[in-house]
Protein backbone atom coordinates (compact mmCIF):
# COMPACT_ATOMS: atom_id res chain seq x y z
CA MET A 1 -200.61 58.55 -5.49
CA LYS A 2 -198.14 57.55 -8.16
CA ASN A 3 -199.44 56.71 -11.61
CA LEU A 4 -200.19 53.02 -11.72
CA ILE A 5 -197.68 52.20 -14.43
CA LEU A 6 -195.27 49.31 -14.18
CA THR A 7 -191.68 50.56 -13.98
CA ASP A 8 -189.84 47.22 -13.79
CA MET A 9 -190.20 43.55 -13.06
CA LEU A 10 -190.02 41.88 -9.67
CA ASN A 11 -187.08 39.57 -9.02
CA LYS A 12 -187.35 35.93 -8.01
CA PRO A 13 -187.10 36.42 -4.20
CA GLU A 14 -189.69 39.22 -4.35
CA ILE A 15 -192.13 37.08 -6.33
CA GLU A 16 -191.71 34.20 -3.89
CA GLU A 17 -192.32 36.56 -0.98
CA ILE A 18 -195.48 37.89 -2.64
CA PHE A 19 -196.97 34.43 -2.94
CA GLU A 20 -195.88 33.45 0.55
CA ARG A 21 -197.87 36.46 1.75
CA PHE A 22 -200.86 35.47 -0.38
CA LYS A 23 -200.69 32.01 1.22
CA SER A 24 -200.41 33.47 4.71
CA GLU A 25 -203.40 35.77 4.16
CA ASN A 26 -205.60 33.13 2.53
CA PRO A 27 -204.25 29.55 2.66
CA ASN A 28 -207.16 27.99 0.75
CA PRO A 29 -208.66 30.44 -1.75
CA THR A 30 -211.72 29.36 -3.69
CA SER A 31 -213.80 30.65 -6.55
CA GLU A 32 -216.66 32.91 -5.47
CA LEU A 33 -219.01 31.30 -7.98
CA ILE A 34 -221.66 29.21 -6.24
CA ALA A 35 -222.51 25.88 -7.86
CA PRO A 36 -223.71 22.53 -6.49
CA ASN A 37 -221.75 20.24 -8.82
CA TYR A 38 -219.19 20.12 -11.62
CA PHE A 39 -221.66 20.70 -14.44
CA THR A 40 -223.24 23.73 -12.80
CA PHE A 41 -219.80 25.14 -11.99
CA ALA A 42 -218.91 24.96 -15.69
CA VAL A 43 -222.19 26.71 -16.52
CA ALA A 44 -221.47 29.39 -13.91
CA VAL A 45 -217.98 29.94 -15.33
CA LEU A 46 -219.47 30.28 -18.82
CA LEU A 47 -222.01 32.80 -17.52
CA SER A 48 -219.34 34.81 -15.68
CA ALA A 49 -217.60 35.91 -18.90
CA GLN A 50 -217.64 39.71 -19.17
CA THR A 51 -219.74 40.05 -16.03
CA THR A 52 -219.31 39.68 -12.26
CA ASP A 53 -219.49 36.55 -10.14
CA LYS A 54 -221.97 38.40 -7.95
CA SER A 55 -224.43 38.85 -10.83
CA VAL A 56 -224.08 35.18 -11.76
CA ASN A 57 -224.69 34.08 -8.17
CA LYS A 58 -227.86 36.16 -8.04
CA ALA A 59 -229.29 34.54 -11.16
CA THR A 60 -228.35 30.88 -10.84
CA PRO A 61 -229.63 29.42 -7.52
CA THR A 62 -233.16 28.86 -8.79
CA LEU A 63 -231.89 27.68 -12.17
CA PHE A 64 -229.54 25.12 -10.64
CA LYS A 65 -232.31 23.70 -8.46
CA ILE A 66 -234.15 22.52 -11.56
CA ALA A 67 -231.35 22.11 -14.11
CA ASP A 68 -228.22 20.68 -12.51
CA THR A 69 -227.37 18.12 -15.20
CA PRO A 70 -226.95 18.37 -18.99
CA GLN A 71 -230.14 16.37 -19.48
CA LYS A 72 -232.19 18.62 -17.22
CA MET A 73 -230.78 21.70 -18.89
CA LEU A 74 -231.82 20.48 -22.33
CA LYS A 75 -235.25 19.55 -20.99
CA LEU A 76 -235.62 23.08 -19.57
CA GLY A 77 -235.12 24.52 -23.04
CA ILE A 78 -233.43 27.65 -24.25
CA ASP A 79 -236.39 29.98 -23.86
CA LYS A 80 -236.94 29.13 -20.19
CA LEU A 81 -233.19 29.23 -19.58
CA LYS A 82 -233.11 32.79 -20.89
CA GLU A 83 -235.73 33.77 -18.33
CA TYR A 84 -233.43 32.66 -15.52
CA ILE A 85 -230.30 34.37 -16.82
CA ARG A 86 -231.82 37.48 -18.39
CA SER A 87 -230.10 39.73 -15.84
CA ILE A 88 -226.65 38.53 -17.01
CA GLY A 89 -224.84 40.27 -19.83
CA LEU A 90 -224.89 38.58 -23.25
CA TYR A 91 -227.50 36.15 -21.97
CA ASN A 92 -228.85 35.23 -25.41
CA ASN A 93 -225.51 33.96 -26.68
CA LYS A 94 -224.68 32.37 -23.32
CA ALA A 95 -228.00 30.50 -23.29
CA LYS A 96 -227.24 29.14 -26.76
CA ASN A 97 -223.79 27.98 -25.65
CA ILE A 98 -225.15 26.35 -22.48
CA MET A 99 -227.53 24.28 -24.59
CA LEU A 100 -224.76 23.34 -27.02
CA LEU A 101 -222.42 22.53 -24.14
CA SER A 102 -225.03 20.30 -22.51
CA GLN A 103 -225.60 18.40 -25.75
CA LYS A 104 -221.85 18.05 -26.33
CA LEU A 105 -221.32 16.60 -22.86
CA ILE A 106 -224.07 14.05 -23.48
CA ASP A 107 -222.89 13.12 -26.96
CA SER A 108 -219.13 13.06 -26.42
CA TYR A 109 -218.34 12.78 -22.73
CA ASN A 110 -221.02 10.56 -21.17
CA SER A 111 -222.50 13.67 -19.51
CA GLU A 112 -219.28 14.26 -17.53
CA LEU A 113 -216.90 17.20 -17.80
CA PRO A 114 -213.56 16.35 -19.40
CA GLN A 115 -210.61 17.10 -17.14
CA SER A 116 -207.95 18.48 -19.47
CA ARG A 117 -207.81 22.07 -20.63
CA ASP A 118 -207.57 20.99 -24.26
CA GLU A 119 -210.76 18.94 -24.03
CA LEU A 120 -212.56 21.61 -22.03
CA GLU A 121 -211.75 24.17 -24.73
CA LYS A 122 -213.64 22.02 -27.22
CA LEU A 123 -216.87 22.70 -25.32
CA PRO A 124 -219.14 25.47 -26.63
CA GLY A 125 -218.69 28.73 -24.74
CA ILE A 126 -215.52 27.59 -22.96
CA GLY A 127 -212.41 29.50 -23.95
CA ARG A 128 -208.91 29.14 -22.60
CA LYS A 129 -209.49 31.26 -19.49
CA SER A 130 -212.65 29.37 -18.57
CA ALA A 131 -211.00 26.03 -19.30
CA ASN A 132 -208.12 26.98 -17.01
CA VAL A 133 -210.53 27.93 -14.23
CA ILE A 134 -212.50 24.68 -14.51
CA ALA A 135 -209.42 22.43 -14.74
CA ASN A 136 -207.84 24.23 -11.82
CA ARG A 137 -210.80 24.40 -9.44
CA LEU A 138 -212.42 21.04 -10.22
CA PHE A 139 -209.52 18.82 -11.15
CA GLY A 140 -206.53 20.29 -9.33
CA ALA A 141 -204.59 21.35 -12.43
CA ASP A 142 -201.77 23.83 -11.95
CA ASN A 143 -203.17 26.08 -14.67
CA ILE A 144 -203.21 29.85 -14.21
CA ALA A 145 -206.27 31.62 -15.60
CA VAL A 146 -205.95 35.24 -16.73
CA ASP A 147 -208.99 37.50 -16.42
CA THR A 148 -209.15 41.29 -16.21
CA HIS A 149 -208.13 41.27 -12.53
CA VAL A 150 -205.12 39.03 -13.16
CA LEU A 151 -204.08 41.16 -16.14
CA ARG A 152 -204.30 44.39 -14.17
CA VAL A 153 -202.62 43.18 -10.98
CA SER A 154 -199.86 41.32 -12.80
CA ASN A 155 -198.95 44.48 -14.68
CA ARG A 156 -199.19 46.75 -11.65
CA ILE A 157 -197.12 44.80 -9.18
CA GLY A 158 -194.49 43.62 -11.65
CA LEU A 159 -195.24 40.03 -12.59
CA SER A 160 -195.67 40.71 -16.31
CA LYS A 161 -195.34 43.61 -18.73
CA SER A 162 -197.64 42.12 -21.36
CA LYS A 163 -201.21 43.19 -22.09
CA ASN A 164 -201.97 39.92 -23.87
CA PRO A 165 -203.74 37.33 -21.66
CA LEU A 166 -201.91 34.35 -23.19
CA ASN A 167 -198.53 36.01 -22.77
CA ILE A 168 -199.38 36.95 -19.19
CA GLU A 169 -200.37 33.34 -18.52
CA LYS A 170 -197.01 32.19 -19.88
CA ASP A 171 -195.18 34.82 -17.83
CA LEU A 172 -196.93 33.73 -14.64
CA ILE A 173 -196.25 30.05 -15.30
CA ASN A 174 -192.58 30.95 -15.70
CA VAL A 175 -192.09 33.34 -12.77
CA VAL A 176 -194.48 32.08 -10.07
CA PRO A 177 -192.93 29.24 -8.04
CA LYS A 178 -194.62 25.99 -8.99
CA GLN A 179 -195.89 25.25 -5.49
CA PHE A 180 -198.13 28.31 -5.80
CA HIS A 181 -199.54 27.63 -9.29
CA LYS A 182 -202.72 25.94 -8.14
CA ASN A 183 -203.91 28.93 -6.10
CA ALA A 184 -202.20 31.76 -7.99
CA SER A 185 -205.21 32.77 -10.09
CA ASP A 186 -207.61 32.90 -7.16
CA TRP A 187 -205.18 34.87 -5.01
CA ILE A 188 -204.57 37.46 -7.72
CA VAL A 189 -208.25 37.69 -8.68
CA LEU A 190 -209.35 38.27 -5.10
CA HIS A 191 -206.58 40.80 -4.60
CA GLY A 192 -207.70 42.66 -7.70
CA ARG A 193 -211.35 42.47 -6.71
CA TYR A 194 -210.99 43.78 -3.17
CA ILE A 195 -207.63 45.52 -2.76
CA CYS A 196 -205.89 46.35 -6.04
CA THR A 197 -209.10 47.59 -7.65
CA ALA A 198 -209.23 49.19 -11.08
CA LYS A 199 -210.10 52.79 -10.24
CA LYS A 200 -209.14 53.30 -6.60
CA PRO A 201 -206.63 50.69 -5.43
CA LYS A 202 -206.46 50.46 -1.65
CA CYS A 203 -202.68 50.76 -1.38
CA SER A 204 -202.86 51.70 2.31
CA GLU A 205 -204.49 48.31 3.02
CA CYS A 206 -202.26 46.27 0.75
CA PHE A 207 -200.00 43.65 2.32
CA LEU A 208 -197.86 43.74 -0.84
CA PHE A 209 -197.30 47.50 -0.74
CA ASP A 210 -193.57 47.37 0.01
CA LEU A 211 -192.93 44.92 -2.83
CA CYS A 212 -195.20 46.41 -5.51
CA GLU A 213 -193.31 47.93 -8.45
CA VAL A 214 -195.77 50.85 -8.53
CA ASN A 215 -194.43 52.06 -5.19
CA LYS A 216 -190.71 51.75 -5.95
């Protein structure tokens, strides 16, 4: 296998073809985080930082049955919250941020999630990537979130040369046709999670193989 180092950038027709193929393979991609409502989705996104969706989904079903609103989360208390999320990395800091987020929603947003990325970023524990995910999945924003999968795949196949998440986000906004923006993050994340994996990419199974810069 060739070294997985980007040699050049894809051109406009190639990029459009890539996203047409993503659409054909999976017309309606969704986040793999499981959450019963908007508040719990935001909590799940917060918990997913630097860990896997699978580990979050294992820990949260019981939690969300008893704490699915900011008020219920505060009533549960930080110590009991930690018991539910102890299996998740950085759970102490995440528990603190969930409590602060819940209080902020009550105090400043009438217990509802704000819809804009800028307002979402004001919430404790919600950075730009998480704000993009929430605005995109819950409110239909055309934001493109950049996680480790998006960073890796974008570099490999030729969508961006940058290693900086913000620069990659800007590159994707510029090069990906606008009609694909809403689903772009989910498509690339799922591709990176199951096909274009970090250590052993499944190039023989990849429907983008002929377009990927790695293979040119």
